[in-house]
PDB file of N, CA and C in Angstrom:
ATOM      1  N   MET A   1      -5.547 -21.468   3.101  1.00  0.00           N
ATOM      2  CA  MET A   1      -5.138 -20.149   2.633  1.00  0.00           C
ATOM      3  C   MET A   1      -3.625 -20.070   2.480  1.00  0.00           C
ATOM      4  N   GLU A   2      -2.888 -20.716   3.358  1.00  0.00           N
ATOM      5  CA  GLU A   2      -1.427 -20.632   3.323  1.00  0.00           C
ATOM      6  C   GLU A   2      -0.856 -21.024   1.962  1.00  0.00           C
ATOM      7  N   LYS A   3      -1.360 -22.108   1.392  1.00  0.00           N
ATOM      8  CA  LYS A   3      -0.852 -22.580   0.104  1.00  0.00           C
ATOM      9  C   LYS A   3      -1.176 -21.583  -1.011  1.00  0.00           C
ATOM     10  N   ASN A   4      -2.411 -21.078  -1.027  1.00  0.00           N
ATOM     11  CA  ASN A   4      -2.802 -20.091  -2.033  1.00  0.00           C
ATOM     12  C   ASN A   4      -2.005 -18.799  -1.863  1.00  0.00           C
ATOM     13  N   PHE A   5      -1.824 -18.372  -0.623  1.00  0.00           N
ATOM     14  CA  PHE A   5      -1.067 -17.153  -0.346  1.00  0.00           C
ATOM     15  C   PHE A   5       0.350 -17.281  -0.889  1.00  0.00           C
ATOM     16  N   GLN A   6       1.006 -18.384  -0.577  1.00  0.00           N
ATOM     17  CA  GLN A   6       2.388 -18.594  -1.025  1.00  0.00           C
ATOM     18  C   GLN A   6       2.468 -18.638  -2.548  1.00  0.00           C
ATOM     19  N   PHE A   7       1.522 -19.307  -3.181  1.00  0.00           N
ATOM     20  CA  PHE A   7       1.489 -19.386  -4.642  1.00  0.00           C
ATOM     21  C   PHE A   7       1.350 -17.989  -5.258  1.00  0.00           C
ATOM     22  N   LEU A   8       0.420 -17.196  -4.751  1.00  0.00           N
ATOM     23  CA  LEU A   8       0.189 -15.851  -5.292  1.00  0.00           C
ATOM     24  C   LEU A   8       1.399 -14.951  -5.054  1.00  0.00           C
ATOM     25  N   LEU A   9       2.004 -15.054  -3.886  1.00  0.00           N
ATOM     26  CA  LEU A   9       3.183 -14.242  -3.581  1.00  0.00           C
ATOM     27  C   LEU A   9       4.335 -14.586  -4.531  1.00  0.00           C
ATOM     28  N   GLU A  10       4.522 -15.859  -4.804  1.00  0.00           N
ATOM     29  CA  GLU A  10       5.579 -16.275  -5.727  1.00  0.00           C
ATOM     30  C   GLU A  10       5.289 -15.813  -7.151  1.00  0.00           C
ATOM     31  N   ALA A  11       4.030 -15.881  -7.566  1.00  0.00           N
ATOM     32  CA  ALA A  11       3.664 -15.433  -8.918  1.00  0.00           C
ATOM     33  C   ALA A  11       3.891 -13.927  -9.070  1.00  0.00           C
ATOM     34  N   ILE A  12       3.496 -13.167  -8.075  1.00  0.00           N
ATOM     35  CA  ILE A  12       3.718 -11.718  -8.093  1.00  0.00           C
ATOM     36  C   ILE A  12       5.213 -11.426  -8.150  1.00  0.00           C
ATOM     37  N   SER A  13       5.967 -12.113  -7.315  1.00  0.00           N
ATOM     38  CA  SER A  13       7.413 -11.884  -7.244  1.00  0.00           C
ATOM     39  C   SER A  13       8.092 -12.187  -8.575  1.00  0.00           C
ATOM     40  N   THR A  14       7.710 -13.270  -9.214  1.00  0.00           N
ATOM     41  CA  THR A  14       8.306 -13.644 -10.498  1.00  0.00           C
ATOM     42  C   THR A  14       8.104 -12.542 -11.534  1.00  0.00           C
ATOM     43  N   ASP A  15       6.886 -12.051 -11.656  1.00  0.00           N
ATOM     44  CA  ASP A  15       6.606 -10.988 -12.628  1.00  0.00           C
ATOM     45  C   ASP A  15       7.362  -9.713 -12.281  1.00  0.00           C
ATOM     46  N   ILE A  16       7.308  -9.311 -11.038  1.00  0.00           N
ATOM     47  CA  ILE A  16       7.931  -8.045 -10.644  1.00  0.00           C
ATOM     48  C   ILE A  16       9.447  -8.097 -10.827  1.00  0.00           C
ATOM     49  N   ILE A  17      10.063  -9.199 -10.484  1.00  0.00           N
ATOM     50  CA  ILE A  17      11.509  -9.325 -10.678  1.00  0.00           C
ATOM     51  C   ILE A  17      11.853  -9.220 -12.161  1.00  0.00           C
ATOM     52  N   GLY A  18      11.068  -9.844 -13.004  1.00  0.00           N
ATOM     53  CA  GLY A  18      11.284  -9.737 -14.453  1.00  0.00           C
ATOM     54  C   GLY A  18      11.140  -8.302 -14.947  1.00  0.00           C
ATOM     55  N   TRP A  19      10.125  -7.624 -14.459  1.00  0.00           N
ATOM     56  CA  TRP A  19       9.917  -6.227 -14.878  1.00  0.00           C
ATOM     57  C   TRP A  19      11.026  -5.323 -14.377  1.00  0.00           C
ATOM     58  N   LEU A  20      11.517  -5.580 -13.164  1.00  0.00           N
ATOM     59  CA  LEU A  20      12.637  -4.793 -12.647  1.00  0.00           C
ATOM     60  C   LEU A  20      13.863  -4.950 -13.541  1.00  0.00           C
ATOM     61  N   MET A  21      14.129  -6.181 -13.954  1.00  0.00           N
ATOM     62  CA  MET A  21      15.265  -6.436 -14.840  1.00  0.00           C
ATOM     63  C   MET A  21      15.096  -5.702 -16.166  1.00  0.00           C
ATOM     64  N   ARG A  22      13.912  -5.790 -16.732  1.00  0.00           N
ATOM     65  CA  ARG A  22      13.629  -5.162 -18.026  1.00  0.00           C
ATOM     66  C   ARG A  22      13.672  -3.633 -17.939  1.00  0.00           C
ATOM     67  N   ASP A  23      12.960  -3.092 -16.971  1.00  0.00           N
ATOM     68  CA  ASP A  23      12.789  -1.638 -16.907  1.00  0.00           C
ATOM     69  C   ASP A  23      14.008  -0.897 -16.364  1.00  0.00           C
ATOM     70  N   ASN A  24      14.774  -1.561 -15.505  1.00  0.00           N
ATOM     71  CA  ASN A  24      15.907  -0.888 -14.857  1.00  0.00           C
ATOM     72  C   ASN A  24      17.256  -1.411 -15.320  1.00  0.00           C
ATOM     73  N   LYS A  25      17.210  -2.355 -16.260  1.00  0.00           N
ATOM     74  CA  LYS A  25      18.453  -2.923 -16.812  1.00  0.00           C
ATOM     75  C   LYS A  25      19.379  -3.404 -15.697  1.00  0.00           C
ATOM     76  N   VAL A  26      18.826  -4.173 -14.761  1.00  0.00           N
ATOM     77  CA  VAL A  26      19.615  -4.733 -13.663  1.00  0.00           C
ATOM     78  C   VAL A  26      19.666  -6.251 -13.817  1.00  0.00           C
ATOM     79  N   SER A  27      20.633  -6.847 -13.150  1.00  0.00           N
ATOM     80  CA  SER A  27      20.777  -8.304 -13.193  1.00  0.00           C
ATOM     81  C   SER A  27      19.682  -8.967 -12.366  1.00  0.00           C
ATOM     82  N   LEU A  28      19.576 -10.278 -12.530  1.00  0.00           N
ATOM     83  CA  LEU A  28      18.609 -11.047 -11.759  1.00  0.00           C
ATOM     84  C   LEU A  28      18.863 -10.880 -10.258  1.00  0.00           C
ATOM     85  N   SER A  29      20.105 -10.987  -9.844  1.00  0.00           N
ATOM     86  CA  SER A  29      20.397 -10.868  -8.406  1.00  0.00           C
ATOM     87  C   SER A  29      20.082  -9.468  -7.880  1.00  0.00           C
ATOM     88  N   GLU A  30      20.323  -8.444  -8.680  1.00  0.00           N
ATOM     89  CA  GLU A  30      19.980  -7.079  -8.258  1.00  0.00           C
ATOM     90  C   GLU A  30      18.471  -6.908  -8.146  1.00  0.00           C
ATOM     91  N   ALA A  31      17.740  -7.433  -9.135  1.00  0.00           N
ATOM     92  CA  ALA A  31      16.282  -7.319  -9.120  1.00  0.00           C
ATOM     93  C   ALA A  31      15.692  -8.061  -7.925  1.00  0.00           C
ATOM     94  N   ILE A  32      16.223  -9.226  -7.629  1.00  0.00           N
ATOM     95  CA  ILE A  32      15.767  -9.983  -6.463  1.00  0.00           C
ATOM     96  C   ILE A  32      16.008  -9.188  -5.190  1.00  0.00           C
ATOM     97  N   ALA A  33      17.196  -8.607  -5.070  1.00  0.00           N
ATOM     98  CA  ALA A  33      17.526  -7.815  -3.874  1.00  0.00           C
ATOM     99  C   ALA A  33      16.602  -6.603  -3.742  1.00  0.00           C
ATOM    100  N   ILE A  34      16.347  -5.924  -4.845  1.00  0.00           N
ATOM    101  CA  ILE A  34      15.460  -4.757  -4.815  1.00  0.00           C
ATOM    102  C   ILE A  34      14.075  -5.169  -4.316  1.00  0.00           C
ATOM    103  N   TRP A  35      13.520  -6.212  -4.904  1.00  0.00           N
ATOM    104  CA  TRP A  35      12.166  -6.638  -4.569  1.00  0.00           C
ATOM    105  C   TRP A  35      12.059  -7.128  -3.124  1.00  0.00           C
ATOM    106  N   TYR A  36      12.920  -8.069  -2.756  1.00  0.00           N
ATOM    107  CA  TYR A  36      12.788  -8.689  -1.436  1.00  0.00           C
ATOM    108  C   TYR A  36      13.193  -7.765  -0.284  1.00  0.00           C
ATOM    109  N   ASN A  37      13.906  -6.695  -0.581  1.00  0.00           N
ATOM    110  CA  ASN A  37      14.274  -5.725   0.453  1.00  0.00           C
ATOM    111  C   ASN A  37      13.369  -4.497   0.469  1.00  0.00           C
ATOM    112  N   SER A  38      12.354  -4.499  -0.375  1.00  0.00           N
ATOM    113  CA  SER A  38      11.474  -3.327  -0.471  1.00  0.00           C
ATOM    114  C   SER A  38      10.367  -3.355   0.585  1.00  0.00           C
ATOM    115  N   GLU A  39       9.905  -2.175   0.887  1.00  0.00           N
ATOM    116  CA  GLU A  39       8.748  -2.037   1.772  1.00  0.00           C
ATOM    117  C   GLU A  39       7.506  -2.612   1.095  1.00  0.00           C
ATOM    118  N   THR A  40       7.437  -2.474  -0.226  1.00  0.00           N
ATOM    119  CA  THR A  40       6.300  -3.006  -0.975  1.00  0.00           C
ATOM    120  C   THR A  40       6.211  -4.515  -0.791  1.00  0.00           C
ATOM    121  N   PHE A  41       7.344  -5.215  -0.890  1.00  0.00           N
ATOM    122  CA  PHE A  41       7.326  -6.664  -0.684  1.00  0.00           C
ATOM    123  C   PHE A  41       6.837  -6.995   0.723  1.00  0.00           C
ATOM    124  N   LYS A  42       7.277  -6.229   1.699  1.00  0.00           N
ATOM    125  CA  LYS A  42       6.828  -6.475   3.076  1.00  0.00           C
ATOM    126  C   LYS A  42       5.308  -6.351   3.183  1.00  0.00           C
ATOM    127  N   LYS A  43       4.750  -5.360   2.515  1.00  0.00           N
ATOM    128  CA  LYS A  43       3.292  -5.163   2.548  1.00  0.00           C
ATOM    129  C   LYS A  43       2.571  -6.303   1.825  1.00  0.00           C
ATOM    130  N   VAL A  44       3.076  -6.689   0.660  1.00  0.00           N
ATOM    131  CA  VAL A  44       2.453  -7.772  -0.099  1.00  0.00           C
ATOM    132  C   VAL A  44       2.539  -9.080   0.695  1.00  0.00           C
ATOM    133  N   SER A  45       3.577  -9.237   1.488  1.00  0.00           N
ATOM    134  CA  SER A  45       3.800 -10.455   2.277  1.00  0.00           C
ATOM    135  C   SER A  45       2.938 -10.538   3.528  1.00  0.00           C
ATOM    136  N   GLU A  46       2.241  -9.480   3.857  1.00  0.00           N
ATOM    137  CA  GLU A  46       1.357  -9.469   5.027  1.00  0.00           C
ATOM    138  C   GLU A  46      -0.065  -9.776   4.552  1.00  0.00           C
ATOM    139  N   PRO A  47      -0.568 -10.981   4.838  1.00  0.00           N
ATOM    140  CA  PRO A  47      -1.901 -11.354   4.342  1.00  0.00           C
ATOM    141  C   PRO A  47      -2.993 -10.345   4.702  1.00  0.00           C
ATOM    142  N   GLN A  48      -2.883  -9.706   5.845  1.00  0.00           N
ATOM    143  CA  GLN A  48      -3.936  -8.779   6.266  1.00  0.00           C
ATOM    144  C   GLN A  48      -4.046  -7.538   5.385  1.00  0.00           C
ATOM    145  N   THR A  49      -3.004  -7.214   4.610  1.00  0.00           N
ATOM    146  CA  THR A  49      -3.102  -6.051   3.716  1.00  0.00           C
ATOM    147  C   THR A  49      -3.960  -6.364   2.497  1.00  0.00           C
ATOM    148  N   GLY A  50      -4.046  -7.644   2.133  1.00  0.00           N
ATOM    149  CA  GLY A  50      -4.812  -8.039   0.957  1.00  0.00           C
ATOM    150  C   GLY A  50      -4.117  -7.742  -0.364  1.00  0.00           C
ATOM    151  N   MET A  51      -2.903  -7.212  -0.308  1.00  0.00           N
ATOM    152  CA  MET A  51      -2.205  -6.860  -1.549  1.00  0.00           C
ATOM    153  C   MET A  51      -1.824  -8.084  -2.368  1.00  0.00           C
ATOM    154  N   TYR A  52      -1.717  -9.237  -1.735  1.00  0.00           N
ATOM    155  CA  TYR A  52      -1.331 -10.451  -2.447  1.00  0.00           C
ATOM    156  C   TYR A  52      -2.409 -10.924  -3.431  1.00  0.00           C
ATOM    157  N   ILE A  53      -3.630 -10.437  -3.270  1.00  0.00           N
ATOM    158  CA  ILE A  53      -4.686 -10.835  -4.207  1.00  0.00           C
ATOM    159  C   ILE A  53      -4.804  -9.852  -5.381  1.00  0.00           C
ATOM    160  N   GLU A  54      -4.041  -8.791  -5.338  1.00  0.00           N
ATOM    161  CA  GLU A  54      -4.020  -7.826  -6.439  1.00  0.00           C
ATOM    162  C   GLU A  54      -3.069  -8.327  -7.525  1.00  0.00           C
ATOM    163  N   SER A  55      -3.174  -7.766  -8.698  1.00  0.00           N
ATOM    164  CA  SER A  55      -2.333  -8.202  -9.812  1.00  0.00           C
ATOM    165  C   SER A  55      -0.872  -7.804  -9.583  1.00  0.00           C
ATOM    166  N   PRO A  56       0.042  -8.517 -10.232  1.00  0.00           N
ATOM    167  CA  PRO A  56       1.443  -8.111 -10.155  1.00  0.00           C
ATOM    168  C   PRO A  56       1.642  -6.666 -10.630  1.00  0.00           C
ATOM    169  N   ALA A  57       0.933  -6.269 -11.687  1.00  0.00           N
ATOM    170  CA  ALA A  57       1.072  -4.902 -12.211  1.00  0.00           C
ATOM    171  C   ALA A  57       0.654  -3.865 -11.171  1.00  0.00           C
ATOM    172  N   TYR A  58      -0.410  -4.146 -10.448  1.00  0.00           N
ATOM    173  CA  TYR A  58      -0.880  -3.249  -9.386  1.00  0.00           C
ATOM    174  C   TYR A  58       0.214  -3.074  -8.330  1.00  0.00           C
ATOM    175  N   ASN A  59       0.791  -4.177  -7.905  1.00  0.00           N
ATOM    176  CA  ASN A  59       1.833  -4.112  -6.885  1.00  0.00           C
ATOM    177  C   ASN A  59       3.119  -3.489  -7.416  1.00  0.00           C
ATOM    178  N   TYR A  60       3.403  -3.695  -8.694  1.00  0.00           N
ATOM    179  CA  TYR A  60       4.596  -3.104  -9.296  1.00  0.00           C
ATOM    180  C   TYR A  60       4.505  -1.579  -9.291  1.00  0.00           C
ATOM    181  N   GLU A  61       3.321  -1.060  -9.460  1.00  0.00           N
ATOM    182  CA  GLU A  61       3.144   0.396  -9.406  1.00  0.00           C
ATOM    183  C   GLU A  61       3.549   0.950  -8.034  1.00  0.00           C
ATOM    184  N   PHE A  62       3.199   0.232  -6.973  1.00  0.00           N
ATOM    185  CA  PHE A  62       3.616   0.645  -5.633  1.00  0.00           C
ATOM    186  C   PHE A  62       5.136   0.600  -5.498  1.00  0.00           C
ATOM    187  N   LEU A  63       5.752  -0.441  -6.032  1.00  0.00           N
ATOM    188  CA  LEU A  63       7.203  -0.561  -5.966  1.00  0.00           C
ATOM    189  C   LEU A  63       7.878   0.561  -6.736  1.00  0.00           C
ATOM    190  N   LYS A  64       7.379   0.863  -7.925  1.00  0.00           N
ATOM    191  CA  LYS A  64       7.977   1.942  -8.714  1.00  0.00           C
ATOM    192  C   LYS A  64       7.911   3.272  -7.965  1.00  0.00           C
ATOM    193  N   ARG A  65       6.763   3.532  -7.328  1.00  0.00           N
ATOM    194  CA  ARG A  65       6.647   4.761  -6.528  1.00  0.00           C
ATOM    195  C   ARG A  65       7.626   4.744  -5.368  1.00  0.00           C
ATOM    196  N   GLU A  66       7.753   3.587  -4.734  1.00  0.00           N
ATOM    197  CA  GLU A  66       8.691   3.472  -3.614  1.00  0.00           C
ATOM    198  C   GLU A  66      10.122   3.752  -4.082  1.00  0.00           C
ATOM    199  N   LEU A  67      10.490   3.229  -5.225  1.00  0.00           N
ATOM    200  CA  LEU A  67      11.851   3.431  -5.725  1.00  0.00           C
ATOM    201  C   LEU A  67      12.121   4.906  -6.057  1.00  0.00           C
ATOM    202  N   VAL A  68      11.112   5.614  -6.528  1.00  0.00           N
ATOM    203  CA  VAL A  68      11.273   7.026  -6.846  1.00  0.00           C
ATOM    204  C   VAL A  68      11.251   7.883  -5.575  1.00  0.00           C
ATOM    205  N   LYS A  69      10.303   7.617  -4.710  1.00  0.00           N
ATOM    206  CA  LYS A  69      10.090   8.452  -3.523  1.00  0.00           C
ATOM    207  C   LYS A  69      10.947   8.030  -2.320  1.00  0.00           C
ATOM    208  N   GLY A  70      11.451   6.784  -2.364  1.00  0.00           N
ATOM    209  CA  GLY A  70      12.287   6.301  -1.263  1.00  0.00           C
ATOM    210  C   GLY A  70      11.525   5.666  -0.131  1.00  0.00           C
ATOM    211  N   ARG A  71      10.205   5.562  -0.284  1.00  0.00           N
ATOM    212  CA  ARG A  71       9.398   4.909   0.747  1.00  0.00           C
ATOM    213  C   ARG A  71       8.067   4.465   0.158  1.00  0.00           C
ATOM    214  N   PHE A  72       7.448   3.503   0.815  1.00  0.00           N
ATOM    215  CA  PHE A  72       6.150   2.988   0.380  1.00  0.00           C
ATOM    216  C   PHE A  72       5.087   4.056   0.579  1.00  0.00           C
ATOM    217  N   GLN A  73       4.223   4.239  -0.423  1.00  0.00           N
ATOM    218  CA  GLN A  73       3.118   5.188  -0.310  1.00  0.00           C
ATOM    219  C   GLN A  73       1.850   4.571  -0.859  1.00  0.00           C
ATOM    220  N   VAL A  74       0.768   4.788  -0.147  1.00  0.00           N
ATOM    221  CA  VAL A  74      -0.534   4.299  -0.594  1.00  0.00           C
ATOM    222  C   VAL A  74      -1.123   5.305  -1.545  1.00  0.00           C
TER     223      VAL A  74
END
C-alpha cells in the first residue's frame, strides 16, 4: 500500500499545484507552498481518511473551500 499511496499522493499534488498556478496566477513555488501547507494536504496525506483515492479534482474542491473559508471543511 505504501508505494501506491505515495504514487497517488504525488499524482494528486502535481495536478493541484498546476491548477493553483493556473487559477490563482501564482508561481510554482507559491503554489507548492499553498498546497503543502494546507489542511487539505494534511488530510489527503493521512491514509485513514481515504482522500488519497479520490480524484485530484475532488480534493481540489476541498482546497478551494479551505482557501476561501480559511479552514478545511467537509
